[in-house]
Amino acid sequence: MISRPARKQVKPGQVTKNEVQQTGKEYNIWYNKWAGGDREDAYSSKVKSQTRCNIRADSGWTRAQKTGMKYICLYFCRGCCPYGYECNYRHTLPDPAQTLPDTAKDCFARDKFADYRDDMGGVGSFQRENRTLYIGRIKETGPGVETEEIVRRHCAEWGEIDRLRVLQYRGVAFVTYVHEVHAQFAREAMACQSLDNDEILNVRWATEDPNPTTKVIEKRRLEEIGTKAIQGKLDPRMVDAMRSIRALEDGEDQGDGAGDDEGAYAEEEPPNEPATKRRKVEEEPEEEPPSNGLLSAETLKGIKALAEMRNKRLGAQPTAPKTGLGALAAYGSDDDDDDE
């Protein structure tokens, strides 16, 4: 928990907004820019950001801690929030352990879209978890190892890095964060910034990696996350009960509540008996026979099952049902002298 108040990053009116030079003939309200011009002209017209966020100096508590707001201030991420501790949004790095109220929004409360933009910019898509950023226009002044160290030093400020790959002589790097919220924060914080050589970075979302090994790793990671989430929602008592029922169906000895005679009986059962039981259950008709006596068909079915279990434990063969006496004909007295 941060004990100090968030400082005001800039004074009101300190940041001046320059008009974007028109490079096209039509203004696209979807992409919020001019369309029809040269793509290189759009990149060359970009200017370096006037501010940059300093996590150690700028982080602090705001009104969001009192109101319960969980989203991050976008202007704090860009280093130009003039409100400081009076801001209604958080001035900290996003916490991966804290679940956001709406998964269709990013950590800045902006709505995601069904698909990415053509230039892989913007907020992103809610159909795929993207943790990888494309960073272009890097000025390389040394070997690839040195460039990788520079990129890692600047990008590690926004969150834990999982993988980093630099394409030498191309001025391109791919940075994969451990958590998606950190990638969202880093994309805004590094936009139009520079590393060590006064360049203007081009930061976008990366497309899906076509490497089969990476796909297998990502699939396994998502499966582990899903398994942990399901296990966290399930009641442990329900899990233990399901395991006990499954063990009983398979004829396994639990060892805790079973007696010596039950363990001996379980050992004498043939190995293919569970499959035979399942086959018999599957072959039984779904419609239950109507009862002709005082007991219901479900109760008679339970009594019959208990009688079969008792006969098996005693080693006796089950008696065949007699005709003419209704559904209770198979359950006679234990003493044959009673009939005389």
Protein backbone atom coordinates (compact mmCIF):
# COMPACT_ATOMS: atom_id res chain seq x y z
CA MET A 1 0.00 0.00 0.00
CA ILE A 2 1.42 3.37 -1.04
CA SER A 3 1.44 5.82 1.87
CA ARG A 4 2.33 9.01 0.02
CA PRO A 5 -0.05 11.06 -2.14
CA ALA A 6 0.43 11.06 -5.90
CA ARG A 7 2.26 14.12 -7.13
CA LYS A 8 1.04 16.35 -9.92
CA GLN A 9 3.11 15.46 -12.97
CA VAL A 10 2.56 18.69 -14.92
CA LYS A 11 1.02 22.08 -14.35
CA PRO A 12 -2.21 22.99 -16.14
CA GLY A 13 -1.44 24.27 -19.62
CA GLN A 14 2.18 23.09 -19.55
CA VAL A 15 1.71 20.49 -22.30
CA THR A 16 0.98 22.01 -25.69
CA LYS A 17 -0.85 19.97 -28.31
CA ASN A 18 0.31 20.46 -31.86
CA GLU A 19 -2.05 20.04 -34.77
CA VAL A 20 -1.44 16.89 -36.81
CA GLN A 21 -0.32 17.64 -40.32
CA GLN A 22 -2.85 16.58 -42.93
CA THR A 23 -1.41 13.76 -45.06
CA GLY A 24 -4.61 12.49 -46.71
CA LYS A 25 -7.75 13.65 -48.40
CA GLU A 26 -10.40 12.21 -46.07
CA TYR A 27 -10.68 12.21 -42.27
CA ASN A 28 -11.43 8.77 -40.82
CA ILE A 29 -13.43 9.15 -37.61
CA TRP A 30 -12.83 5.46 -36.73
CA TYR A 31 -9.03 5.78 -36.66
CA ASN A 32 -9.15 9.48 -35.70
CA LYS A 33 -6.74 10.50 -38.46
CA TRP A 34 -6.53 11.48 -42.09
CA ALA A 35 -6.81 8.64 -44.62
CA GLY A 36 -5.52 8.24 -48.14
CA GLY A 37 -2.03 9.62 -47.56
CA ASP A 38 1.34 7.96 -47.54
CA ARG A 39 2.02 5.73 -44.57
CA GLU A 40 5.61 6.88 -44.24
CA ASP A 41 4.44 10.49 -44.09
CA ALA A 42 2.25 9.59 -41.11
CA TYR A 43 5.23 8.07 -39.27
CA SER A 44 7.57 10.94 -40.13
CA SER A 45 5.03 13.48 -38.88
CA LYS A 46 5.11 12.02 -35.36
CA VAL A 47 6.86 14.06 -32.71
CA LYS A 48 8.50 12.96 -29.51
CA SER A 49 6.31 12.94 -26.42
CA GLN A 50 6.81 15.95 -24.14
CA THR A 51 6.31 13.96 -20.92
CA ARG A 52 7.14 10.54 -19.56
CA CYS A 53 5.87 8.66 -16.52
CA ASN A 54 8.26 7.99 -13.64
CA ILE A 55 6.78 5.16 -11.61
CA ARG A 56 8.93 5.66 -8.51
CA ALA A 57 8.37 9.41 -8.29
CA ASP A 58 4.80 9.73 -9.60
CA SER A 59 3.03 6.78 -7.95
CA GLY A 60 0.84 7.46 -4.92
CA TRP A 61 -2.67 7.30 -3.52
CA THR A 62 -5.53 9.24 -5.08
CA ARG A 63 -9.28 9.55 -4.63
CA ALA A 64 -9.64 6.18 -6.32
CA GLN A 65 -8.52 4.43 -3.12
CA LYS A 66 -11.54 5.88 -1.32
CA THR A 67 -14.11 5.49 -4.08
CA GLY A 68 -13.06 1.95 -5.04
CA MET A 69 -12.06 2.81 -8.61
CA LYS A 70 -9.84 0.04 -9.99
CA TYR A 71 -8.84 1.55 -13.33
CA ILE A 72 -5.58 3.40 -14.01
CA CYS A 73 -5.30 7.03 -15.12
CA LEU A 74 -4.32 7.16 -18.79
CA TYR A 75 -2.70 10.58 -18.43
CA PHE A 76 -0.65 9.34 -15.47
CA CYS A 77 0.63 6.54 -17.70
CA ARG A 78 1.66 9.15 -20.28
CA GLY A 79 3.21 11.35 -17.59
CA CYS A 80 0.91 14.36 -18.03
CA CYS A 81 -1.78 14.18 -15.30
CA PRO A 82 -2.20 17.61 -13.64
CA TYR A 83 -4.49 16.40 -10.85
CA GLY A 84 -2.18 14.17 -8.80
CA TYR A 85 -3.81 12.98 -5.57
CA GLU A 86 -7.06 14.69 -6.65
CA CYS A 87 -7.44 12.37 -9.64
CA ASN A 88 -10.39 9.97 -9.69
CA TYR A 89 -8.27 7.16 -11.18
CA ARG A 90 -5.35 5.23 -9.74
CA HIS A 91 -1.78 6.46 -10.11
CA THR A 92 0.01 3.13 -9.80
CA LEU A 93 1.00 0.20 -11.94
CA PRO A 94 -1.93 -2.17 -12.53
CA ASP A 95 -2.05 -5.06 -10.10
CA PRO A 96 -2.41 -8.44 -11.89
CA ALA A 97 -3.89 -10.03 -8.77
CA GLN A 98 -6.76 -7.53 -8.80
CA THR A 99 -9.53 -8.51 -11.20
CA LEU A 100 -10.96 -5.68 -13.27
CA PRO A 101 -14.76 -5.19 -13.22
CA ASP A 102 -15.13 -5.62 -16.98
CA THR A 103 -12.89 -7.90 -19.06
CA ALA A 104 -14.06 -6.16 -22.24
CA LYS A 105 -12.14 -3.04 -21.16
CA ASP A 106 -8.44 -2.42 -20.73
CA CYS A 107 -6.79 -1.20 -17.53
CA PHE A 108 -7.68 2.40 -18.47
CA ALA A 109 -11.44 1.65 -18.71
CA ARG A 110 -11.43 1.94 -22.52
CA ASP A 111 -13.66 -0.44 -24.48
CA LYS A 112 -11.91 -3.14 -26.49
CA PHE A 113 -13.05 -4.16 -29.97
CA ALA A 114 -13.79 -7.46 -31.64
CA ASP A 115 -10.72 -7.20 -33.87
CA TYR A 116 -7.48 -5.24 -34.05
CA ARG A 117 -7.01 -2.23 -36.23
CA ASP A 118 -5.20 -2.61 -39.53
CA ASP A 119 -2.11 -0.91 -38.09
CA MET A 120 -2.32 -3.00 -34.84
CA GLY A 121 -2.76 0.17 -32.80
CA GLY A 122 -5.56 1.31 -30.55
CA VAL A 123 -6.98 -0.40 -27.49
CA GLY A 124 -6.88 -3.96 -28.80
CA SER A 125 -9.24 -6.91 -29.02
CA PHE A 126 -11.18 -8.76 -26.34
CA GLN A 127 -11.09 -12.05 -28.28
CA ARG A 128 -7.41 -12.77 -27.60
CA GLU A 129 -5.11 -12.13 -24.68
CA ASN A 130 -2.15 -10.22 -26.12
CA ARG A 131 0.92 -9.77 -23.94
CA THR A 132 3.42 -8.96 -26.71
CA LEU A 133 4.35 -5.50 -28.00
CA TYR A 134 5.98 -4.59 -31.27
CA ILE A 135 8.57 -1.83 -30.80
CA GLY A 136 9.93 -0.35 -34.02
CA ARG A 137 12.28 2.45 -35.14
CA ILE A 138 14.99 1.54 -32.62
CA LYS A 139 18.36 3.11 -33.34
CA GLU A 140 21.06 0.49 -32.96
CA THR A 141 24.52 1.76 -32.05
CA GLY A 142 26.08 -1.54 -31.02
CA PRO A 143 25.70 -5.32 -31.19
CA GLY A 144 22.44 -7.09 -30.62
CA VAL A 145 23.23 -7.93 -26.99
CA GLU A 146 23.70 -4.26 -26.18
CA THR A 147 20.44 -3.31 -27.90
CA GLU A 148 18.59 -6.05 -26.02
CA GLU A 149 19.94 -4.75 -22.72
CA ILE A 150 18.76 -1.21 -23.53
CA VAL A 151 15.27 -2.38 -24.49
CA ARG A 152 14.99 -4.58 -21.40
CA ARG A 153 16.07 -1.75 -19.09
CA HIS A 154 13.45 0.63 -20.42
CA CYS A 155 10.58 -1.90 -20.71
CA ALA A 156 11.12 -3.60 -17.34
CA GLU A 157 9.97 -0.41 -15.64
CA TRP A 158 6.35 -1.19 -16.56
CA GLY A 159 6.17 -4.83 -15.47
CA GLU A 160 7.83 -8.25 -15.42
CA ILE A 161 9.09 -9.37 -18.84
CA ASP A 162 8.56 -12.95 -19.97
CA ARG A 163 10.41 -12.96 -23.31
CA LEU A 164 12.35 -10.40 -25.32
CA ARG A 165 13.56 -10.74 -28.89
CA VAL A 166 15.52 -8.16 -30.89
CA LEU A 167 15.79 -8.32 -34.68
CA GLN A 168 19.27 -6.97 -35.26
CA TYR A 169 19.87 -4.52 -38.14
CA ARG A 170 16.12 -4.04 -38.45
CA GLY A 171 15.48 -1.81 -35.45
CA VAL A 172 12.65 -4.00 -34.18
CA ALA A 173 12.03 -5.70 -30.82
CA PHE A 174 9.25 -7.94 -29.51
CA VAL A 175 8.61 -7.67 -25.77
CA THR A 176 6.30 -10.19 -24.06
CA TYR A 177 5.14 -9.38 -20.54
CA VAL A 178 3.99 -11.90 -17.97
CA HIS A 179 0.63 -10.13 -17.54
CA GLU A 180 -1.55 -8.46 -20.14
CA VAL A 181 -2.31 -5.41 -17.98
CA HIS A 182 1.39 -4.58 -17.87
CA ALA A 183 1.55 -4.81 -21.66
CA GLN A 184 -1.39 -2.40 -21.90
CA PHE A 185 0.33 0.05 -19.58
CA ALA A 186 3.68 -0.25 -21.38
CA ARG A 187 2.12 0.37 -24.80
CA GLU A 188 0.80 3.74 -23.69
CA ALA A 189 3.83 4.65 -21.59
CA MET A 190 6.36 3.93 -24.39
CA ALA A 191 4.38 5.47 -27.27
CA CYS A 192 6.43 8.19 -29.03
CA GLN A 193 9.17 7.85 -26.41
CA SER A 194 12.88 7.26 -26.95
CA LEU A 195 15.43 4.85 -25.51
CA ASP A 196 19.05 6.06 -25.32
CA ASN A 197 19.51 7.49 -28.82
CA ASP A 198 16.78 10.15 -29.06
CA GLU A 199 14.63 8.15 -31.47
CA ILE A 200 10.82 8.15 -31.69
CA LEU A 201 9.52 4.65 -31.02
CA ASN A 202 6.64 3.06 -32.87
CA VAL A 203 4.84 0.86 -30.32
CA ARG A 204 1.99 -1.38 -31.47
CA TRP A 205 0.37 -4.67 -30.61
CA ALA A 206 2.19 -7.68 -32.03
CA THR A 207 0.44 -10.20 -34.23
CA GLU A 208 0.13 -13.82 -33.15
CA ASP A 209 3.45 -15.65 -33.19
CA PRO A 210 3.39 -18.33 -35.95
CA ASN A 211 6.11 -20.38 -34.22
CA PRO A 212 4.58 -23.82 -33.37
CA THR A 213 6.66 -24.12 -30.20
CA THR A 214 5.39 -20.78 -28.96
CA LYS A 215 1.80 -21.80 -29.73
CA VAL A 216 2.19 -24.99 -27.68
CA ILE A 217 3.66 -23.04 -24.75
CA GLU A 218 0.88 -20.46 -24.89
CA LYS A 219 -1.81 -23.17 -25.07
CA ARG A 220 -0.33 -24.96 -22.08
CA ARG A 221 -0.16 -21.70 -20.12
CA LEU A 222 -3.83 -20.93 -20.81
CA GLU A 223 -4.82 -24.46 -19.77
CA GLU A 224 -2.96 -24.08 -16.47
CA ILE A 225 -4.65 -20.74 -15.82
CA GLY A 226 -8.06 -22.27 -16.56
CA THR A 227 -7.39 -25.25 -14.30
CA LYS A 228 -6.34 -23.02 -11.40
CA ALA A 229 -9.38 -20.81 -11.88
CA ILE A 230 -11.76 -23.80 -11.85
CA GLN A 231 -10.07 -25.34 -8.80
CA GLY A 232 -10.34 -22.04 -6.97
CA LYS A 233 -14.10 -21.86 -7.58
CA LEU A 234 -14.89 -25.46 -6.59
CA ASP A 235 -15.73 -26.46 -3.03
CA PRO A 236 -13.05 -28.86 -1.64
CA ARG A 237 -15.75 -30.97 -0.02
CA MET A 238 -17.46 -31.43 -3.37
CA VAL A 239 -14.17 -32.48 -4.96
CA ASP A 240 -13.57 -35.09 -2.23
CA ALA A 241 -17.10 -36.41 -2.62
CA MET A 242 -16.73 -36.78 -6.38
CA ARG A 243 -13.43 -38.63 -5.93
CA SER A 244 -15.04 -41.01 -3.44
CA ILE A 245 -17.96 -41.72 -5.78
CA ARG A 246 -15.59 -42.32 -8.68
CA ALA A 247 -13.49 -44.68 -6.56
CA LEU A 248 -16.59 -46.63 -5.53
CA GLU A 249 -17.69 -46.94 -9.15
CA ASP A 250 -14.28 -48.30 -10.13
CA GLY A 251 -14.31 -50.81 -7.23
CA GLU A 252 -11.32 -49.30 -5.44
CA ASP A 253 -10.70 -49.77 -1.73
CA GLN A 254 -10.78 -46.44 0.10
CA GLY A 255 -8.94 -47.78 3.14
CA ASP A 256 -10.50 -45.38 5.65
CA GLY A 257 -14.12 -46.50 6.10
CA ALA A 258 -14.01 -50.00 4.56
CA GLY A 259 -13.86 -53.11 6.74
CA ASP A 260 -11.84 -56.29 6.35
CA ASP A 261 -14.72 -58.20 4.79
CA GLU A 262 -15.35 -55.41 2.28
CA GLY A 263 -11.67 -55.31 1.32
CA ALA A 264 -11.62 -59.07 0.80
CA TYR A 265 -14.74 -58.85 -1.30
CA ALA A 266 -13.22 -56.08 -3.43
CA GLU A 267 -10.17 -58.24 -4.08
CA GLU A 268 -12.31 -61.20 -5.17
CA GLU A 269 -14.15 -59.16 -7.82
CA PRO A 270 -12.99 -59.77 -11.38
CA PRO A 271 -11.09 -56.87 -12.98
CA ASN A 272 -13.67 -56.37 -15.73
CA GLU A 273 -16.63 -56.08 -13.35
CA PRO A 274 -16.76 -52.22 -13.33
CA ALA A 275 -17.06 -52.19 -17.11
CA THR A 276 -19.76 -54.89 -16.89
CA LYS A 277 -21.67 -52.82 -14.33
CA ARG A 278 -21.56 -49.73 -16.54
CA ARG A 279 -22.69 -51.77 -19.54
CA LYS A 280 -25.66 -53.14 -17.61
CA VAL A 281 -26.64 -49.68 -16.43
CA GLU A 282 -26.44 -48.33 -19.98
CA GLU A 283 -28.55 -51.20 -21.33
CA GLU A 284 -31.31 -50.71 -18.77
CA PRO A 285 -34.39 -48.87 -20.11
CA GLU A 286 -35.00 -45.38 -18.80
CA GLU A 287 -38.68 -46.10 -18.00
CA GLU A 288 -39.20 -47.58 -14.54
CA PRO A 289 -41.78 -50.38 -14.12
CA PRO A 290 -44.93 -49.33 -12.28
CA SER A 291 -45.32 -50.68 -8.74
CA ASN A 292 -48.28 -52.87 -7.81
CA GLY A 293 -47.84 -52.64 -4.03
CA LEU A 294 -47.45 -50.05 -1.30
CA LEU A 295 -43.78 -49.30 -2.08
CA SER A 296 -42.68 -47.18 -5.02
CA ALA A 297 -40.63 -48.55 -7.90
CA GLU A 298 -37.56 -46.59 -6.78
CA THR A 299 -37.77 -48.05 -3.26
CA LEU A 300 -38.12 -51.59 -4.61
CA LYS A 301 -35.15 -51.02 -6.85
CA GLY A 302 -33.05 -49.96 -3.84
CA ILE A 303 -34.17 -52.97 -1.78
CA LYS A 304 -33.29 -55.28 -4.65
CA ALA A 305 -29.81 -53.76 -4.94
CA LEU A 306 -29.20 -54.17 -1.20
CA ALA A 307 -30.33 -57.80 -1.35
CA GLU A 308 -27.93 -58.53 -4.21
CA MET A 309 -25.04 -56.96 -2.31
CA ARG A 310 -25.92 -59.03 0.78
CA ASN A 311 -26.06 -62.27 -1.24
CA LYS A 312 -22.69 -61.53 -2.84
CA ARG A 313 -21.03 -60.95 0.53
CA LEU A 314 -22.45 -64.19 1.91
CA GLY A 315 -21.38 -66.11 -1.20
CA ALA A 316 -24.91 -67.20 -2.07
CA GLN A 317 -26.57 -67.06 -5.42
CA PRO A 318 -29.47 -64.58 -5.77
CA THR A 319 -32.84 -66.29 -5.77
CA ALA A 320 -34.95 -66.06 -8.90
CA PRO A 321 -38.16 -64.02 -8.54
CA LYS A 322 -41.36 -66.01 -8.16
CA THR A 323 -44.45 -65.28 -10.21
CA GLY A 324 -47.87 -64.50 -8.89
CA LEU A 325 -46.93 -62.59 -5.72
CA GLY A 326 -46.15 -59.18 -7.16
CA ALA A 327 -42.88 -57.23 -6.88
CA LEU A 328 -42.08 -58.50 -3.34
CA ALA A 329 -41.93 -62.18 -4.34
CA ALA A 330 -38.13 -62.26 -4.53
CA TYR A 331 -37.70 -61.16 -0.92
CA GLY A 332 -38.89 -64.05 1.25
CA SER A 333 -38.23 -64.81 4.92
CA ASP A 334 -34.82 -66.05 6.03
CA ASP A 335 -36.45 -68.93 7.93
CA ASP A 336 -38.09 -71.54 5.71
CA ASP A 337 -40.00 -73.04 8.70
CA ASP A 338 -42.30 -70.00 8.85
CA ASP A 339 -44.26 -71.29 5.86
CA GLU A 340 -45.21 -74.55 7.57
